[in-house]
Protein backbone atom coordinates (compact mmCIF):
# COMPACT_ATOMS: atom_id res chain seq x y z
CA MET A 1 32.93 69.73 62.28
CA GLU A 2 29.53 68.52 63.78
CA HIS A 3 31.49 66.59 66.42
CA VAL A 4 33.96 69.39 67.23
CA PHE A 5 33.72 71.09 70.55
CA ALA A 6 35.62 74.17 69.17
CA PRO A 7 35.12 74.63 65.41
CA ASP A 8 36.31 78.17 65.73
CA ARG A 9 39.77 76.81 66.92
CA ALA A 10 39.83 73.98 64.32
CA LEU A 11 39.03 76.60 61.52
CA ALA A 12 41.75 78.90 62.59
CA GLU A 13 44.20 76.24 62.48
CA ILE A 14 43.04 75.21 59.05
CA ALA A 15 43.45 78.77 57.88
CA ARG A 16 46.86 78.97 59.44
CA THR A 17 48.16 75.99 57.55
CA LEU A 18 46.80 77.01 54.14
CA LYS A 19 49.14 78.73 51.64
CA PRO A 20 47.66 81.96 49.99
CA GLY A 21 44.99 80.86 47.35
CA GLY A 22 44.86 77.39 49.11
CA LEU A 23 41.42 75.60 49.43
CA HIS A 24 40.02 73.58 52.17
CA VAL A 25 37.11 71.30 50.94
CA CYS A 26 34.74 69.28 53.13
CA THR A 27 31.39 68.09 53.80
CA VAL A 28 29.32 68.79 56.97
CA PRO A 29 25.68 67.71 57.34
CA ILE A 30 23.55 70.94 57.15
CA VAL A 31 20.66 69.55 59.12
CA ASN A 32 19.10 72.95 59.97
CA LYS A 33 19.09 74.27 56.29
CA GLU A 34 17.71 78.03 56.38
CA ASN A 35 17.36 77.95 60.18
CA PRO A 36 20.46 79.01 62.38
CA SER A 37 22.96 76.53 63.52
CA VAL A 38 22.25 75.34 66.97
CA ARG A 39 24.90 74.13 69.63
CA ARG A 40 23.94 70.85 71.10
CA ALA A 41 26.85 70.35 73.47
CA ARG A 42 29.77 72.15 74.92
CA ARG A 43 32.88 71.25 77.11
CA LYS A 44 32.82 72.89 80.65
CA ALA A 45 35.94 74.39 82.36
CA ASP A 46 36.93 70.91 84.02
CA GLY A 47 36.62 69.03 80.66
CA SER A 48 33.35 67.43 81.21
CA VAL A 49 30.42 67.54 78.56
CA GLU A 50 27.42 69.91 79.08
CA HIS A 51 24.37 68.83 77.04
CA LEU A 52 22.32 71.69 75.98
CA LEU A 53 19.90 69.46 73.96
CA ASP A 54 19.23 65.92 74.13
CA PRO A 55 22.46 63.99 72.91
CA VAL A 56 22.72 62.72 69.34
CA PHE A 57 25.27 60.24 68.14
CA HIS A 58 26.51 59.44 64.80
CA GLY A 59 27.86 55.99 63.71
CA ASN A 60 31.64 55.58 64.33
CA PRO A 61 33.35 52.50 63.51
CA MET A 62 36.18 53.21 66.09
CA ASP A 63 33.56 53.45 68.94
CA PRO A 64 30.39 51.35 69.55
CA ASN A 65 28.84 54.25 71.27
CA GLY A 66 29.23 56.62 68.31
CA SER A 67 30.29 60.18 68.16
CA LEU A 68 28.61 62.93 69.79
CA VAL A 69 26.99 65.70 67.72
CA THR A 70 28.01 69.13 69.12
CA VAL A 71 26.50 71.42 66.71
CA ASP A 72 23.39 71.14 64.14
CA TRP A 73 24.69 73.45 61.41
CA GLY A 74 22.48 75.61 59.22
CA TYR A 75 23.41 77.38 55.95
CA ASP A 76 24.75 80.19 58.47
CA ILE A 77 27.92 77.77 58.65
CA ALA A 78 29.61 79.78 55.86
CA ALA A 79 29.49 83.17 57.66
CA TYR A 80 30.54 81.43 60.74
CA TRP A 81 33.43 79.78 59.23
CA ASP A 82 34.56 83.13 57.60
CA ARG A 83 34.44 84.85 60.97
CA ALA A 84 36.32 82.18 62.65
CA SER A 85 39.18 81.66 59.96
CA GLY A 86 39.43 84.58 57.77
CA LEU A 87 38.73 82.24 54.86
CA SER A 88 36.14 82.94 52.18
CA THR A 89 33.74 79.99 52.19
CA THR A 90 31.07 78.99 49.52
CA ILE A 91 28.44 76.17 49.92
CA TRP A 92 28.13 74.01 46.79
CA THR A 93 25.26 71.86 46.18
CA ILE A 94 25.19 69.63 42.93
CA GLU A 95 22.18 67.60 42.66
CA ASP A 96 21.93 65.64 39.38
CA ALA A 97 19.67 62.45 39.47
CA ALA A 98 21.02 61.40 36.11
CA ARG A 99 24.51 60.87 37.80
CA GLY A 100 23.00 59.38 40.98
CA ILE A 101 23.59 62.54 43.06
CA GLN A 102 20.16 63.07 44.63
CA ALA A 103 20.15 62.98 48.57
CA GLU A 104 20.06 64.65 51.67
CA TYR A 105 23.11 66.50 53.08
CA ILE A 106 25.08 66.86 49.85
CA GLU A 107 26.55 70.18 50.47
CA VAL A 108 30.09 70.70 50.08
CA LEU A 109 31.95 73.55 51.68
CA VAL A 110 34.91 75.21 49.94
CA SER A 111 36.96 77.77 51.84
CA ARG A 112 39.69 79.64 50.17
CA LYS A 113 42.57 81.56 51.66
CA LEU A 114 42.94 84.91 49.95
CA GLY A 115 45.85 85.89 48.10
CA VAL A 116 47.83 84.30 45.34
CA PRO A 117 51.52 83.50 45.16
CA ASP A 118 53.38 85.52 42.48
CA LEU A 119 55.80 83.74 40.14
CA SER A 120 58.74 84.51 42.37
CA GLY A 121 56.97 82.63 45.43
CA ASP A 122 56.36 85.74 47.23
CA VAL A 123 52.64 86.48 48.33
CA ALA A 124 50.80 89.13 46.50
CA PRO A 125 47.25 90.33 47.19
CA ALA A 126 44.94 88.80 44.59
CA ARG A 127 44.26 92.21 42.97
CA SER A 128 47.66 93.67 43.08
CA LYS A 129 48.81 91.80 39.85
CA PRO A 130 45.99 91.69 37.18
CA GLY A 131 48.27 89.75 34.71
CA LEU A 132 49.38 87.29 37.20
CA LEU A 133 46.53 84.87 36.71
CA ARG A 134 46.89 84.96 32.84
CA LYS A 135 50.69 84.09 33.48
CA LEU A 136 49.70 81.31 35.79
CA PHE A 137 46.79 79.79 33.85
CA GLY A 138 47.72 80.97 30.23
């Protein structure tokens, strides 16, 4: 998502395609950490790129020039994703040196579409049938 010019539109499409209770799991480098996300580049009306900051590119095996970074995300990414998509997003960070998980940019974003399917296949709000989760998960 750091390379997407319209992350709000991408997130809305992800939310549209998820089933109720469905999850979207991805990684995005959170380079700004506690600081706000910063837009680095955007598209102009004519389709050209407007650089708001000096261009930064990430390696890309399909393009020797790399991929342009459009947003330096901060931890406010979860709230942005929720506003853009209607999903509920949590940032998970697992750091465990014993398992070799100790690095920069190890955050995992998990977004969930609200609601759970009932046993008939119809969609029910998550709180409307308290026994449903027991039926589904025993």
